[in-house]
Amino acid sequence: MASPKKNEPKNISEIKSLLRTAETLTEALPYLQEFGGKTFVIKYGGHAMGDVRLAEQFASDIVLLKQVGINPVIVHGGGPQIGRMLKQLKIESEFIDGLRVTDNRTVEIVEMVLAGSINKEVVTAINDAGGTAVGISGKDGNLIQAQKLKHRQRTDSNIEKVVDLGFVGEPVAINTTVLDTLAGSHMIPVIAPLGIGHGGTTYNINADTAAGAIAGAIGATRLLMLTDVTGVLDKKGELITDITARQAKALIKNGTISGGMIPKIETCVDAVKEGVEASVIMDGRVPHALLLEIFTEHGAGTMIRPKK
C-alpha cells in the first residue's frame, strides 16, 4: 500500500512559505557539512533564561545541534535567580564592579541555586525537547579548578586597590576528563559555573569566564555567548559583525567598547588566543539566535576571530 500523501499546499502563499523553508535548508547545508563533529561551547544566560518561550526554543535548538552532529556544551548563568533567593532569605547582597561579594552563607545559596534548581531546569527543558542532557557543576570531576579572584578596583584618585570578594573565583585549570567522556556519547553536558579550590573550597565563577576557559581547554570550534545585547556596536550604533582580536582591543582602547561589554570581549579574545576558532557575542532574546548564527551566512551577532 502506498504511503498517504501529505497535505498539499492550498495557495500561492503556502507555496512561497515552503520554498523559503527549502531555501533555508539549502543555505544551511554547507554549515552542516563544516561543523559536523565539532564542539560548540554555549554560554546561556540573560533574558533568554527567564523567558519561557525563549527557553523552550533554546532547548529545541540545542537538541537540533546534537542531532545534526554538533557537540554542544552549555555553561549557564543565574545571577537574577540567585538574587531572588537571597532576597527571599533576607540576605543582603553587595556588588563591586558588577561582581557579587560572596561570603560563606552566600556561597551556599549560590551553589544551591546554580547546581540545583537552575541546572536541573535547563537539563529538564532539553530532555523534554527530545535530547539527553546531564547536569554537572565545575566541581564534578574537578572540572573547573579555581583560585580566589584578586579583583583590582580603581579609586576616585585613580589608584588601584585589591578588594576582597569572598568566595568569588577564577579558573586556573580545566580538567577535561568528564567532557571528553561525554563528547563520545549522545549526552549533552549542562555546566553550573562553580569551581573547586584548595582544600575543597567552593568558588562562585562568572559564567562568561567559565565558558571561555572551558572552550579554550577543549579546543572548541566556537564559543557562543548569549547575552542581552545585539553585539558590538560602532560609535554610530551599528552592529559590527566581524572583528579580529587585535581590532577588539583597539575598540576597547578608544572607548567604542565600554562598561560591561569589556569583560565579555576580553573573554572572547582570550578564548581565540587559546585556540578557539571564533567567539561570538549575540542577542539571546532573538528567537532561534543559535541557529541563525550557525547556519546562515549573515550570522546573528559579532564574531571575534584570531585574524581574518
C-alpha atoms as a PDB file:
ATOM      1  CA  MET A   1       0.000   0.000   0.000  1.00  0.00           C
ATOM      2  CA  ALA A   2       1.337   3.439  -0.908  1.00  0.00           C
ATOM      3  CA  SER A   3       2.048   5.799   1.945  1.00  0.00           C
ATOM      4  CA  PRO A   4      -0.553   8.556   2.390  1.00  0.00           C
ATOM      5  CA  LYS A   5       0.200  11.862   0.721  1.00  0.00           C
ATOM      6  CA  LYS A   6       0.998  14.891   2.808  1.00  0.00           C
ATOM      7  CA  ASN A   7      -1.447  17.766   2.731  1.00  0.00           C
ATOM      8  CA  GLU A   8      -0.806  19.711  -0.443  1.00  0.00           C
ATOM      9  CA  PRO A   9      -0.339  23.497  -0.302  1.00  0.00           C
ATOM     10  CA  LYS A  10      -3.601  25.292  -0.882  1.00  0.00           C
ATOM     11  CA  ASN A  11      -2.454  28.629  -2.260  1.00  0.00           C
ATOM     12  CA  ILE A  12       0.464  30.660  -3.568  1.00  0.00           C
ATOM     13  CA  SER A  13       1.269  31.994  -0.097  1.00  0.00           C
ATOM     14  CA  GLU A  14       1.739  28.493   1.290  1.00  0.00           C
ATOM     15  CA  ILE A  15       3.895  27.501  -1.676  1.00  0.00           C
ATOM     16  CA  LYS A  16       6.134  30.554  -1.145  1.00  0.00           C
ATOM     17  CA  SER A  17       6.435  29.671   2.533  1.00  0.00           C
ATOM     18  CA  LEU A  18       7.506  26.134   1.650  1.00  0.00           C
ATOM     19  CA  LEU A  19      10.034  27.476  -0.849  1.00  0.00           C
ATOM     20  CA  ARG A  20      11.532  29.737   1.818  1.00  0.00           C
ATOM     21  CA  THR A  21      11.861  26.706   4.084  1.00  0.00           C
ATOM     22  CA  ALA A  22      13.617  24.785   1.317  1.00  0.00           C
ATOM     23  CA  GLU A  23      15.962  27.738   0.675  1.00  0.00           C
ATOM     24  CA  THR A  24      16.799  27.904   4.380  1.00  0.00           C
ATOM     25  CA  LEU A  25      17.693  24.212   4.427  1.00  0.00           C
ATOM     26  CA  THR A  26      19.828  24.645   1.315  1.00  0.00           C
ATOM     27  CA  GLU A  27      21.648  27.602   2.890  1.00  0.00           C
ATOM     28  CA  ALA A  28      22.331  25.523   5.993  1.00  0.00           C
ATOM     29  CA  LEU A  29      23.853  22.588   4.098  1.00  0.00           C
ATOM     30  CA  PRO A  30      27.480  23.820   3.841  1.00  0.00           C
ATOM     31  CA  TYR A  31      27.482  24.698   7.541  1.00  0.00           C
ATOM     32  CA  LEU A  32      26.119  21.278   8.440  1.00  0.00           C
ATOM     33  CA  GLN A  33      28.992  19.761   6.477  1.00  0.00           C
ATOM     34  CA  GLU A  34      31.573  22.114   8.004  1.00  0.00           C
ATOM     35  CA  PHE A  35      30.555  21.764  11.642  1.00  0.00           C
ATOM     36  CA  GLY A  36      29.666  18.076  11.825  1.00  0.00           C
ATOM     37  CA  GLY A  37      31.613  16.500  14.694  1.00  0.00           C
ATOM     38  CA  LYS A  38      32.758  19.882  16.047  1.00  0.00           C
ATOM     39  CA  THR A  39      32.241  21.151  19.610  1.00  0.00           C
ATOM     40  CA  PHE A  40      30.491  24.418  20.421  1.00  0.00           C
ATOM     41  CA  VAL A  41      30.577  25.894  23.941  1.00  0.00           C
ATOM     42  CA  ILE A  42      27.452  27.941  24.564  1.00  0.00           C
ATOM     43  CA  LYS A  43      27.124  30.395  27.417  1.00  0.00           C
ATOM     44  CA  TYR A  44      23.425  30.528  28.264  1.00  0.00           C
ATOM     45  CA  GLY A  45      22.225  33.469  30.309  1.00  0.00           C
ATOM     46  CA  GLY A  46      20.440  36.775  30.367  1.00  0.00           C
ATOM     47  CA  HIS A  47      16.822  37.329  29.347  1.00  0.00           C
ATOM     48  CA  ALA A  48      16.752  34.126  27.296  1.00  0.00           C
ATOM     49  CA  MET A  49      16.813  32.111  30.528  1.00  0.00           C
ATOM     50  CA  GLY A  50      13.918  33.980  32.107  1.00  0.00           C
ATOM     51  CA  ASP A  51      11.515  33.861  29.155  1.00  0.00           C
ATOM     52  CA  VAL A  52       9.585  30.578  28.958  1.00  0.00           C
ATOM     53  CA  ARG A  53       9.137  30.685  25.175  1.00  0.00           C
ATOM     54  CA  LEU A  54      12.793  31.531  24.533  1.00  0.00           C
ATOM     55  CA  ALA A  55      13.899  28.831  26.982  1.00  0.00           C
ATOM     56  CA  GLU A  56      11.854  26.225  25.114  1.00  0.00           C
ATOM     57  CA  GLN A  57      13.289  27.387  21.787  1.00  0.00           C
ATOM     58  CA  PHE A  58      16.807  27.267  23.187  1.00  0.00           C
ATOM     59  CA  ALA A  59      16.286  23.689  24.363  1.00  0.00           C
ATOM     60  CA  SER A  60      14.912  22.561  20.989  1.00  0.00           C
ATOM     61  CA  ASP A  61      17.777  24.306  19.167  1.00  0.00           C
ATOM     62  CA  ILE A  62      20.327  22.502  21.344  1.00  0.00           C
ATOM     63  CA  VAL A  63      18.687  19.160  20.566  1.00  0.00           C
ATOM     64  CA  LEU A  64      18.773  20.012  16.855  1.00  0.00           C
ATOM     65  CA  LEU A  65      22.504  20.792  17.032  1.00  0.00           C
ATOM     66  CA  LYS A  66      23.158  17.426  18.646  1.00  0.00           C
ATOM     67  CA  GLN A  67      21.014  15.640  16.068  1.00  0.00           C
ATOM     68  CA  VAL A  68      22.979  17.118  13.136  1.00  0.00           C
ATOM     69  CA  GLY A  69      26.315  16.075  14.630  1.00  0.00           C
ATOM     70  CA  ILE A  70      27.445  19.156  16.536  1.00  0.00           C
ATOM     71  CA  ASN A  71      28.502  18.615  20.173  1.00  0.00           C
ATOM     72  CA  PRO A  72      27.031  21.424  22.307  1.00  0.00           C
ATOM     73  CA  VAL A  73      28.477  22.128  25.760  1.00  0.00           C
ATOM     74  CA  ILE A  74      26.325  24.507  27.788  1.00  0.00           C
ATOM     75  CA  VAL A  75      27.547  26.752  30.603  1.00  0.00           C
ATOM     76  CA  HIS A  76      24.690  28.632  32.266  1.00  0.00           C
ATOM     77  CA  GLY A  77      24.481  31.700  34.454  1.00  0.00           C
ATOM     78  CA  GLY A  78      21.918  32.514  37.111  1.00  0.00           C
ATOM     79  CA  GLY A  79      22.563  35.910  38.701  1.00  0.00           C
ATOM     80  CA  PRO A  80      18.912  37.062  38.813  1.00  0.00           C
ATOM     81  CA  GLN A  81      17.734  33.747  40.263  1.00  0.00           C
ATOM     82  CA  ILE A  82      20.450  33.874  42.931  1.00  0.00           C
ATOM     83  CA  GLY A  83      19.436  37.444  43.739  1.00  0.00           C
ATOM     84  CA  ARG A  84      15.789  36.470  44.185  1.00  0.00           C
ATOM     85  CA  MET A  85      16.660  33.582  46.501  1.00  0.00           C
ATOM     86  CA  LEU A  86      18.939  35.756  48.617  1.00  0.00           C
ATOM     87  CA  LYS A  87      16.172  38.337  48.878  1.00  0.00           C
ATOM     88  CA  GLN A  88      13.680  35.689  49.979  1.00  0.00           C
ATOM     89  CA  LEU A  89      16.118  34.590  52.673  1.00  0.00           C
ATOM     90  CA  LYS A  90      16.732  38.244  53.636  1.00  0.00           C
ATOM     91  CA  ILE A  91      20.434  38.026  52.864  1.00  0.00           C
ATOM     92  CA  GLU A  92      21.877  41.332  51.716  1.00  0.00           C
ATOM     93  CA  SER A  93      23.972  41.351  48.528  1.00  0.00           C
ATOM     94  CA  GLU A  94      26.851  43.707  47.818  1.00  0.00           C
ATOM     95  CA  PHE A  95      28.271  44.224  44.352  1.00  0.00           C
ATOM     96  CA  ILE A  96      31.670  45.599  43.395  1.00  0.00           C
ATOM     97  CA  ASP A  97      32.156  46.384  39.710  1.00  0.00           C
ATOM     98  CA  GLY A  98      29.243  44.083  38.908  1.00  0.00           C
ATOM     99  CA  LEU A  99      30.655  41.152  40.909  1.00  0.00           C
ATOM    100  CA  ARG A 100      28.667  39.745  43.820  1.00  0.00           C
ATOM    101  CA  VAL A 101      30.589  39.684  47.096  1.00  0.00           C
ATOM    102  CA  THR A 102      30.166  36.076  48.211  1.00  0.00           C
ATOM    103  CA  ASP A 103      30.584  35.183  51.873  1.00  0.00           C
ATOM    104  CA  ASN A 104      30.209  31.745  53.500  1.00  0.00           C
ATOM    105  CA  ARG A 105      26.432  31.885  53.712  1.00  0.00           C
ATOM    106  CA  THR A 106      26.018  33.343  50.235  1.00  0.00           C
ATOM    107  CA  VAL A 107      28.197  30.758  48.508  1.00  0.00           C
ATOM    108  CA  GLU A 108      25.979  28.014  49.926  1.00  0.00           C
ATOM    109  CA  ILE A 109      22.938  29.674  48.349  1.00  0.00           C
ATOM    110  CA  VAL A 110      24.830  30.231  45.087  1.00  0.00           C
ATOM    111  CA  GLU A 111      25.679  26.531  44.889  1.00  0.00           C
ATOM    112  CA  MET A 112      22.132  25.501  45.758  1.00  0.00           C
ATOM    113  CA  VAL A 113      20.621  27.699  43.031  1.00  0.00           C
ATOM    114  CA  LEU A 114      23.221  27.182  40.287  1.00  0.00           C
ATOM    115  CA  ALA A 115      23.919  23.461  40.668  1.00  0.00           C
ATOM    116  CA  GLY A 116      20.408  22.727  41.904  1.00  0.00           C
ATOM    117  CA  SER A 117      17.330  24.458  40.576  1.00  0.00           C
ATOM    118  CA  ILE A 118      18.720  26.290  37.530  1.00  0.00           C
ATOM    119  CA  ASN A 119      20.895  23.446  36.285  1.00  0.00           C
ATOM    120  CA  LYS A 120      18.063  20.952  36.538  1.00  0.00           C
ATOM    121  CA  GLU A 121      15.613  23.329  34.825  1.00  0.00           C
ATOM    122  CA  VAL A 122      17.921  23.558  31.810  1.00  0.00           C
ATOM    123  CA  VAL A 123      18.503  19.795  31.806  1.00  0.00           C
ATOM    124  CA  THR A 124      14.763  19.094  32.020  1.00  0.00           C
ATOM    125  CA  ALA A 125      13.964  21.504  29.178  1.00  0.00           C
ATOM    126  CA  ILE A 126      16.477  19.792  26.879  1.00  0.00           C
ATOM    127  CA  ASN A 127      15.232  16.341  27.840  1.00  0.00           C
ATOM    128  CA  ASP A 128      11.622  17.433  27.234  1.00  0.00           C
ATOM    129  CA  ALA A 129      12.689  18.625  23.768  1.00  0.00           C
ATOM    130  CA  GLY A 130      13.939  15.145  22.934  1.00  0.00           C
ATOM    131  CA  GLY A 131      17.582  15.350  23.957  1.00  0.00           C
ATOM    132  CA  THR A 132      19.569  13.645  26.687  1.00  0.00           C
ATOM    133  CA  ALA A 133      21.175  16.247  28.927  1.00  0.00           C
ATOM    134  CA  VAL A 134      23.273  15.645  32.029  1.00  0.00           C
ATOM    135  CA  GLY A 135      23.747  18.359  34.631  1.00  0.00           C
ATOM    136  CA  ILE A 136      27.089  18.857  36.334  1.00  0.00           C
ATOM    137  CA  SER A 137      28.917  21.648  38.109  1.00  0.00           C
ATOM    138  CA  GLY A 138      32.509  22.733  37.779  1.00  0.00           C
ATOM    139  CA  LYS A 139      33.194  20.801  40.981  1.00  0.00           C
ATOM    140  CA  ASP A 140      32.274  17.448  39.436  1.00  0.00           C
ATOM    141  CA  GLY A 141      35.357  15.538  38.354  1.00  0.00           C
ATOM    142  CA  ASN A 142      37.399  18.617  39.340  1.00  0.00           C
ATOM    143  CA  LEU A 143      36.247  20.109  36.046  1.00  0.00           C
ATOM    144  CA  ILE A 144      36.947  23.745  36.980  1.00  0.00           C
ATOM    145  CA  GLN A 145      39.894  24.083  39.322  1.00  0.00           C
ATOM    146  CA  ALA A 146      39.823  27.572  40.741  1.00  0.00           C
ATOM    147  CA  GLN A 147      41.506  30.086  42.984  1.00  0.00           C
ATOM    148  CA  LYS A 148      40.309  33.193  44.757  1.00  0.00           C
ATOM    149  CA  LEU A 149      39.826  36.087  42.349  1.00  0.00           C
ATOM    150  CA  LYS A 150      42.092  39.037  43.054  1.00  0.00           C
ATOM    151  CA  HIS A 151      39.928  41.888  41.867  1.00  0.00           C
ATOM    152  CA  ARG A 152      41.559  45.261  41.354  1.00  0.00           C
ATOM    153  CA  GLN A 153      39.355  48.304  41.732  1.00  0.00           C
ATOM    154  CA  ARG A 154      40.235  51.863  40.792  1.00  0.00           C
ATOM    155  CA  THR A 155      39.519  54.515  43.415  1.00  0.00           C
ATOM    156  CA  ASP A 156      38.386  58.073  42.733  1.00  0.00           C
ATOM    157  CA  SER A 157      42.067  59.005  42.884  1.00  0.00           C
ATOM    158  CA  ASN A 158      42.726  56.556  40.015  1.00  0.00           C
ATOM    159  CA  ILE A 159      44.699  54.304  42.344  1.00  0.00           C
ATOM    160  CA  GLU A 160      44.253  50.548  42.094  1.00  0.00           C
ATOM    161  CA  LYS A 161      43.436  48.541  45.186  1.00  0.00           C
ATOM    162  CA  VAL A 162      42.745  44.822  45.622  1.00  0.00           C
ATOM    163  CA  VAL A 163      39.284  44.192  47.067  1.00  0.00           C
ATOM    164  CA  ASP A 164      38.107  41.023  48.801  1.00  0.00           C
ATOM    165  CA  LEU A 165      35.107  39.475  47.033  1.00  0.00           C
ATOM    166  CA  GLY A 166      34.957  36.451  49.312  1.00  0.00           C
ATOM    167  CA  PHE A 167      34.363  33.149  47.552  1.00  0.00           C
ATOM    168  CA  VAL A 168      34.462  34.544  44.025  1.00  0.00           C
ATOM    169  CA  GLY A 169      36.956  32.587  41.978  1.00  0.00           C
ATOM    170  CA  GLU A 170      38.669  32.337  38.627  1.00  0.00           C
ATOM    171  CA  PRO A 171      39.662  29.182  36.736  1.00  0.00           C
ATOM    172  CA  VAL A 172      43.298  28.120  36.965  1.00  0.00           C
ATOM    173  CA  ALA A 173      42.911  24.763  35.201  1.00  0.00           C
ATOM    174  CA  ILE A 174      40.224  22.791  33.386  1.00  0.00           C
ATOM    175  CA  ASN A 175      40.135  19.010  33.814  1.00  0.00           C
ATOM    176  CA  THR A 176      38.515  17.901  30.566  1.00  0.00           C
ATOM    177  CA  THR A 177      38.143  14.220  31.502  1.00  0.00           C
ATOM    178  CA  VAL A 178      34.391  14.393  32.145  1.00  0.00           C
ATOM    179  CA  LEU A 179      33.716  16.417  28.995  1.00  0.00           C
ATOM    180  CA  ASP A 180      35.928  14.160  26.874  1.00  0.00           C
ATOM    181  CA  THR A 181      33.901  11.180  28.066  1.00  0.00           C
ATOM    182  CA  LEU A 182      30.566  12.863  27.352  1.00  0.00           C
ATOM    183  CA  ALA A 183      31.743  14.049  23.917  1.00  0.00           C
ATOM    184  CA  GLY A 184      31.798  10.473  22.732  1.00  0.00           C
ATOM    185  CA  SER A 185      28.232   9.847  23.836  1.00  0.00           C
ATOM    186  CA  HIS A 186      24.776  11.078  22.926  1.00  0.00           C
ATOM    187  CA  MET A 187      24.602  13.169  26.118  1.00  0.00           C
ATOM    188  CA  ILE A 188      24.671  16.965  26.318  1.00  0.00           C
ATOM    189  CA  PRO A 189      26.597  18.463  29.273  1.00  0.00           C
ATOM    190  CA  VAL A 190      24.990  21.367  31.131  1.00  0.00           C
ATOM    191  CA  ILE A 191      27.508  23.025  33.461  1.00  0.00           C
ATOM    192  CA  ALA A 192      26.925  25.218  36.513  1.00  0.00           C
ATOM    193  CA  PRO A 193      29.838  27.694  36.874  1.00  0.00           C
ATOM    194  CA  LEU A 194      31.212  26.641  40.240  1.00  0.00           C
ATOM    195  CA  GLY A 195      34.874  25.910  40.852  1.00  0.00           C
ATOM    196  CA  ILE A 196      36.764  23.755  43.313  1.00  0.00           C
ATOM    197  CA  GLY A 197      39.744  25.229  45.107  1.00  0.00           C
ATOM    198  CA  HIS A 198      42.429  24.125  47.544  1.00  0.00           C
ATOM    199  CA  GLY A 199      41.039  22.068  50.392  1.00  0.00           C
ATOM    200  CA  GLY A 200      37.691  21.616  48.633  1.00  0.00           C
ATOM    201  CA  THR A 201      36.722  25.297  48.765  1.00  0.00           C
ATOM    202  CA  THR A 202      33.743  26.184  46.571  1.00  0.00           C
ATOM    203  CA  TYR A 203      34.082  29.264  44.363  1.00  0.00           C
ATOM    204  CA  ASN A 204      31.423  31.202  42.504  1.00  0.00           C
ATOM    205  CA  ILE A 205      32.723  31.858  38.981  1.00  0.00           C
ATOM    206  CA  ASN A 206      31.379  34.258  36.384  1.00  0.00           C
ATOM    207  CA  ALA A 207      29.610  32.154  33.732  1.00  0.00           C
ATOM    208  CA  ASP A 208      31.241  34.036  30.838  1.00  0.00           C
ATOM    209  CA  THR A 209      34.683  33.389  32.320  1.00  0.00           C
ATOM    210  CA  ALA A 210      33.914  29.711  32.939  1.00  0.00           C
ATOM    211  CA  ALA A 211      32.597  29.223  29.394  1.00  0.00           C
ATOM    212  CA  GLY A 212      35.666  30.878  27.881  1.00  0.00           C
ATOM    213  CA  ALA A 213      38.065  28.773  29.935  1.00  0.00           C
ATOM    214  CA  ILE A 214      36.261  25.552  29.041  1.00  0.00           C
ATOM    215  CA  ALA A 215      36.109  26.451  25.333  1.00  0.00           C
ATOM    216  CA  GLY A 216      39.851  27.069  25.255  1.00  0.00           C
ATOM    217  CA  ALA A 217      40.685  23.902  27.179  1.00  0.00           C
ATOM    218  CA  ILE A 218      38.674  21.546  24.957  1.00  0.00           C
ATOM    219  CA  GLY A 219      39.627  23.262  21.699  1.00  0.00           C
ATOM    220  CA  ALA A 220      36.068  24.218  20.816  1.00  0.00           C
ATOM    221  CA  THR A 221      35.314  25.397  17.300  1.00  0.00           C
ATOM    222  CA  ARG A 222      33.043  28.138  18.632  1.00  0.00           C
ATOM    223  CA  LEU A 223      32.379  29.990  21.862  1.00  0.00           C
ATOM    224  CA  LEU A 224      28.836  31.357  21.566  1.00  0.00           C
ATOM    225  CA  MET A 225      27.766  33.843  24.232  1.00  0.00           C
ATOM    226  CA  LEU A 226      24.044  34.545  24.521  1.00  0.00           C
ATOM    227  CA  THR A 227      23.576  37.980  26.074  1.00  0.00           C
ATOM    228  CA  ASP A 228      21.038  40.785  26.308  1.00  0.00           C
ATOM    229  CA  VAL A 229      22.811  42.895  23.689  1.00  0.00           C
ATOM    230  CA  THR A 230      22.907  42.698  19.899  1.00  0.00           C
ATOM    231  CA  GLY A 231      26.703  42.516  19.833  1.00  0.00           C
ATOM    232  CA  VAL A 232      29.472  45.088  19.481  1.00  0.00           C
ATOM    233  CA  LEU A 233      28.195  48.405  18.147  1.00  0.00           C
ATOM    234  CA  ASP A 234      30.284  51.080  16.485  1.00  0.00           C
ATOM    235  CA  LYS A 235      30.090  54.723  17.513  1.00  0.00           C
ATOM    236  CA  LYS A 236      27.122  55.208  15.166  1.00  0.00           C
ATOM    237  CA  GLY A 237      25.227  52.411  16.908  1.00  0.00           C
ATOM    238  CA  GLU A 238      25.608  49.989  14.007  1.00  0.00           C
ATOM    239  CA  LEU A 239      26.404  46.329  14.617  1.00  0.00           C
ATOM    240  CA  ILE A 240      29.979  45.256  13.897  1.00  0.00           C
ATOM    241  CA  THR A 241      29.620  41.730  12.569  1.00  0.00           C
ATOM    242  CA  ASP A 242      33.240  40.564  12.308  1.00  0.00           C
ATOM    243  CA  ILE A 243      36.409  41.738  14.042  1.00  0.00           C
ATOM    244  CA  THR A 244      39.817  40.357  14.925  1.00  0.00           C
ATOM    245  CA  ALA A 245      41.141  40.045  18.462  1.00  0.00           C
ATOM    246  CA  ARG A 246      43.515  42.935  17.754  1.00  0.00           C
ATOM    247  CA  GLN A 247      40.668  45.137  16.495  1.00  0.00           C
ATOM    248  CA  ALA A 248      38.611  44.274  19.575  1.00  0.00           C
ATOM    249  CA  LYS A 249      41.407  45.508  21.835  1.00  0.00           C
ATOM    250  CA  ALA A 250      41.625  48.731  19.816  1.00  0.00           C
ATOM    251  CA  LEU A 251      37.860  49.267  20.206  1.00  0.00           C
ATOM    252  CA  ILE A 252      38.226  48.916  23.968  1.00  0.00           C
ATOM    253  CA  LYS A 253      41.100  51.374  23.992  1.00  0.00           C
ATOM    254  CA  ASN A 254      39.225  54.034  22.008  1.00  0.00           C
ATOM    255  CA  GLY A 255      36.053  53.668  24.082  1.00  0.00           C
ATOM    256  CA  THR A 256      33.831  52.081  21.430  1.00  0.00           C
ATOM    257  CA  ILE A 257      33.560  49.011  23.655  1.00  0.00           C
ATOM    258  CA  SER A 258      32.862  50.026  27.241  1.00  0.00           C
ATOM    259  CA  GLY A 259      31.245  49.060  30.521  1.00  0.00           C
ATOM    260  CA  GLY A 260      30.002  45.514  30.968  1.00  0.00           C
ATOM    261  CA  MET A 261      30.860  44.613  27.379  1.00  0.00           C
ATOM    262  CA  ILE A 262      34.603  44.859  28.097  1.00  0.00           C
ATOM    263  CA  PRO A 263      34.932  41.656  30.199  1.00  0.00           C
ATOM    264  CA  LYS A 264      32.787  39.744  27.680  1.00  0.00           C
ATOM    265  CA  ILE A 265      35.038  40.813  24.810  1.00  0.00           C
ATOM    266  CA  GLU A 266      38.159  40.039  26.852  1.00  0.00           C
ATOM    267  CA  THR A 267      36.793  36.535  27.494  1.00  0.00           C
ATOM    268  CA  CYS A 268      36.186  36.060  23.751  1.00  0.00           C
ATOM    269  CA  VAL A 269      39.674  37.327  22.896  1.00  0.00           C
ATOM    270  CA  ASP A 270      41.281  35.027  25.485  1.00  0.00           C
ATOM    271  CA  ALA A 271      39.348  32.068  24.069  1.00  0.00           C
ATOM    272  CA  VAL A 272      40.570  32.604  20.498  1.00  0.00           C
ATOM    273  CA  LYS A 273      44.097  33.016  21.822  1.00  0.00           C
ATOM    274  CA  GLU A 274      43.714  29.570  23.407  1.00  0.00           C
ATOM    275  CA  GLY A 275      42.764  28.028  20.083  1.00  0.00           C
ATOM    276  CA  VAL A 276      39.016  28.536  19.705  1.00  0.00           C
ATOM    277  CA  GLU A 277      38.395  29.257  16.017  1.00  0.00           C
ATOM    278  CA  ALA A 278      35.975  32.095  16.731  1.00  0.00           C
ATOM    279  CA  SER A 279      33.908  33.602  19.539  1.00  0.00           C
ATOM    280  CA  VAL A 280      30.523  35.210  19.013  1.00  0.00           C
ATOM    281  CA  ILE A 281      28.543  37.631  21.157  1.00  0.00           C
ATOM    282  CA  MET A 282      24.869  37.563  20.187  1.00  0.00           C
ATOM    283  CA  ASP A 283      21.442  38.577  21.418  1.00  0.00           C
ATOM    284  CA  GLY A 284      19.793  35.639  23.155  1.00  0.00           C
ATOM    285  CA  ARG A 285      16.457  37.475  23.064  1.00  0.00           C
ATOM    286  CA  VAL A 286      16.235  36.838  19.309  1.00  0.00           C
ATOM    287  CA  PRO A 287      14.235  33.657  18.612  1.00  0.00           C
ATOM    288  CA  HIS A 288      16.497  30.821  17.424  1.00  0.00           C
ATOM    289  CA  ALA A 289      19.583  33.054  17.642  1.00  0.00           C
ATOM    290  CA  LEU A 290      21.838  29.993  17.772  1.00  0.00           C
ATOM    291  CA  LEU A 291      20.516  28.591  14.509  1.00  0.00           C
ATOM    292  CA  LEU A 292      20.736  31.965  12.785  1.00  0.00           C
ATOM    293  CA  GLU A 293      24.362  32.308  13.842  1.00  0.00           C
ATOM    294  CA  ILE A 294      25.485  28.801  12.956  1.00  0.00           C
ATOM    295  CA  PHE A 295      23.517  28.014   9.806  1.00  0.00           C
ATOM    296  CA  THR A 296      23.156  31.309   7.940  1.00  0.00           C
ATOM    297  CA  GLU A 297      25.618  33.460   6.061  1.00  0.00           C
ATOM    298  CA  HIS A 298      24.787  36.704   7.886  1.00  0.00           C
ATOM    299  CA  GLY A 299      25.018  35.249  11.409  1.00  0.00           C
ATOM    300  CA  ALA A 300      23.406  36.838  14.440  1.00  0.00           C
ATOM    301  CA  GLY A 301      25.971  38.909  16.327  1.00  0.00           C
ATOM    302  CA  THR A 302      29.614  39.961  16.485  1.00  0.00           C
ATOM    303  CA  MET A 303      32.243  37.347  15.653  1.00  0.00           C
ATOM    304  CA  ILE A 304      35.758  37.697  17.090  1.00  0.00           C
ATOM    305  CA  ARG A 305      38.481  35.779  15.246  1.00  0.00           C
ATOM    306  CA  PRO A 306      42.263  35.499  15.747  1.00  0.00           C
ATOM    307  CA  LYS A 307      42.598  37.035  12.283  1.00  0.00           C
ATOM    308  CA  LYS A 308      40.506  37.423   9.140  1.00  0.00           C
END
